[in-house]
N, C-alpha and C. Protein backbone atom coordinates (compact mmCIF):
# COMPACT_ATOMS: atom_id res chain seq x y z
N UNK A 1 19.89 -14.02 31.03
CA UNK A 1 20.56 -12.73 30.98
C UNK A 1 21.29 -12.54 29.65
N UNK A 2 21.84 -13.63 29.12
CA UNK A 2 22.58 -13.53 27.86
C UNK A 2 21.65 -13.18 26.70
N UNK A 3 20.45 -13.70 26.72
CA UNK A 3 19.51 -13.42 25.62
C UNK A 3 19.08 -11.96 25.64
N UNK A 4 18.93 -11.39 26.82
CA UNK A 4 18.57 -9.97 26.92
C UNK A 4 19.69 -9.10 26.39
N UNK A 5 20.93 -9.44 26.75
CA UNK A 5 22.08 -8.69 26.26
C UNK A 5 22.22 -8.82 24.74
N UNK A 6 21.96 -10.02 24.22
CA UNK A 6 22.03 -10.25 22.78
C UNK A 6 20.96 -9.43 22.05
N UNK A 7 19.74 -9.42 22.57
CA UNK A 7 18.66 -8.64 21.95
C UNK A 7 18.95 -7.15 22.00
N UNK A 8 19.44 -6.68 23.13
CA UNK A 8 19.76 -5.27 23.27
C UNK A 8 20.87 -4.84 22.32
N UNK A 9 21.93 -5.65 22.21
CA UNK A 9 23.03 -5.30 21.32
C UNK A 9 22.60 -5.35 19.85
N UNK A 10 21.70 -6.28 19.51
CA UNK A 10 21.19 -6.35 18.14
C UNK A 10 20.36 -5.12 17.81
N UNK A 11 19.48 -4.72 18.71
CA UNK A 11 18.66 -3.54 18.47
C UNK A 11 19.52 -2.28 18.41
N UNK A 12 20.52 -2.19 19.25
CA UNK A 12 21.42 -1.04 19.23
C UNK A 12 22.19 -0.97 17.92
N UNK A 13 22.65 -2.11 17.44
CA UNK A 13 23.38 -2.15 16.16
C UNK A 13 22.49 -1.72 15.01
N UNK A 14 21.27 -2.24 14.95
CA UNK A 14 20.36 -1.85 13.88
C UNK A 14 19.97 -0.38 13.98
N UNK A 15 19.79 0.11 15.18
CA UNK A 15 19.41 1.50 15.37
C UNK A 15 20.50 2.48 14.95
N UNK A 16 21.75 2.12 15.18
CA UNK A 16 22.85 3.02 14.81
C UNK A 16 23.24 2.91 13.35
N UNK A 17 22.98 1.78 12.72
CA UNK A 17 23.43 1.59 11.35
C UNK A 17 22.42 2.03 10.31
N UNK A 18 21.19 2.31 10.69
CA UNK A 18 20.15 2.60 9.71
C UNK A 18 19.80 4.09 9.65
N UNK A 19 20.61 4.94 10.20
CA UNK A 19 20.29 6.35 10.23
C UNK A 19 20.62 7.05 8.93
N UNK A 20 19.79 7.99 8.54
CA UNK A 20 20.05 8.80 7.35
C UNK A 20 20.78 10.07 7.76
N UNK A 21 21.57 10.59 6.86
CA UNK A 21 22.33 11.80 7.12
C UNK A 21 21.69 12.95 6.35
N UNK A 22 21.33 13.99 7.05
CA UNK A 22 20.74 15.17 6.44
C UNK A 22 21.60 16.38 6.77
N UNK A 23 22.36 16.90 5.80
CA UNK A 23 23.19 18.07 6.08
C UNK A 23 22.31 19.30 6.34
N UNK A 24 22.83 20.28 7.09
CA UNK A 24 22.00 21.42 7.47
C UNK A 24 21.63 22.35 6.31
N UNK A 25 22.37 22.31 5.21
CA UNK A 25 22.10 23.24 4.11
C UNK A 25 21.54 22.54 2.88
N UNK A 26 20.72 21.54 3.07
CA UNK A 26 20.11 20.85 1.93
C UNK A 26 20.92 19.64 1.51
N UNK A 27 20.63 19.15 0.32
CA UNK A 27 21.29 17.93 -0.14
C UNK A 27 22.66 18.22 -0.73
N UNK A 28 23.49 17.19 -0.72
CA UNK A 28 24.85 17.29 -1.25
C UNK A 28 24.92 16.41 -2.49
N UNK A 29 25.41 16.96 -3.58
CA UNK A 29 25.56 16.21 -4.82
C UNK A 29 27.05 16.07 -5.11
N UNK A 30 27.49 14.84 -5.29
CA UNK A 30 28.89 14.58 -5.61
C UNK A 30 28.97 14.32 -7.10
N UNK A 31 29.74 15.13 -7.81
CA UNK A 31 29.87 15.03 -9.26
C UNK A 31 31.27 14.52 -9.59
N UNK A 32 31.41 13.25 -9.97
CA UNK A 32 32.75 12.72 -10.25
C UNK A 32 33.38 13.31 -11.50
N UNK A 33 32.58 13.89 -12.39
CA UNK A 33 33.13 14.48 -13.61
C UNK A 33 33.54 15.93 -13.42
N UNK A 34 33.36 16.46 -12.24
CA UNK A 34 33.70 17.86 -11.98
C UNK A 34 35.15 17.94 -11.58
N UNK A 35 36.03 18.11 -12.56
CA UNK A 35 37.45 18.25 -12.27
C UNK A 35 37.91 19.61 -12.77
N UNK A 36 38.86 20.15 -12.06
CA UNK A 36 39.33 21.49 -12.37
C UNK A 36 40.64 21.40 -13.13
N UNK A 37 40.59 21.71 -14.40
CA UNK A 37 41.79 21.64 -15.22
C UNK A 37 42.60 22.92 -15.07
N UNK A 38 43.90 22.76 -15.00
CA UNK A 38 44.78 23.92 -14.97
C UNK A 38 44.97 24.54 -13.61
N UNK A 39 44.43 23.97 -12.54
CA UNK A 39 44.62 24.51 -11.20
C UNK A 39 45.66 23.67 -10.49
N UNK A 40 46.90 24.09 -10.53
CA UNK A 40 47.98 23.35 -9.90
C UNK A 40 48.57 22.34 -10.86
N UNK A 41 49.64 21.68 -10.40
CA UNK A 41 50.32 20.73 -11.28
C UNK A 41 50.25 19.30 -10.75
N UNK A 42 49.53 19.07 -9.66
CA UNK A 42 49.43 17.72 -9.12
C UNK A 42 48.29 16.98 -9.79
N UNK A 43 48.57 15.76 -10.20
CA UNK A 43 47.55 14.89 -10.77
C UNK A 43 47.82 13.47 -10.31
N UNK A 44 46.89 12.85 -9.58
CA UNK A 44 47.09 11.47 -9.16
C UNK A 44 47.21 10.54 -10.37
N UNK A 45 48.01 9.50 -10.24
CA UNK A 45 48.29 8.63 -11.39
C UNK A 45 47.03 8.00 -11.96
N UNK A 46 46.05 7.65 -11.10
CA UNK A 46 44.81 7.05 -11.60
C UNK A 46 44.01 8.01 -12.45
N UNK A 47 44.02 9.30 -12.08
CA UNK A 47 43.29 10.29 -12.85
C UNK A 47 44.02 10.61 -14.16
N UNK A 48 45.34 10.60 -14.12
CA UNK A 48 46.13 10.87 -15.33
C UNK A 48 45.90 9.78 -16.37
N UNK A 49 45.81 8.54 -15.92
CA UNK A 49 45.57 7.43 -16.84
C UNK A 49 44.20 7.51 -17.49
N UNK A 50 43.25 8.13 -16.80
CA UNK A 50 41.91 8.30 -17.34
C UNK A 50 41.80 9.54 -18.22
N UNK A 51 42.86 10.34 -18.29
CA UNK A 51 42.84 11.55 -19.11
C UNK A 51 42.10 12.70 -18.47
N UNK A 52 42.03 12.74 -17.15
CA UNK A 52 41.30 13.81 -16.46
C UNK A 52 42.22 14.94 -16.01
N UNK A 53 43.49 14.88 -16.31
CA UNK A 53 44.40 15.95 -15.91
C UNK A 53 45.14 16.51 -17.11
């Protein structure tokens, strides 16, 4: 019984972890260089050190 439970849990884990995500409106592109200068006065310290604010 333990081997059946082990096999089932392994298959369930692989089945849930290998799924691809497809958004409904096409692909999503994340652009790390797309920063908005001059919109607000908040700038995280890590971004300020990189000169992005």
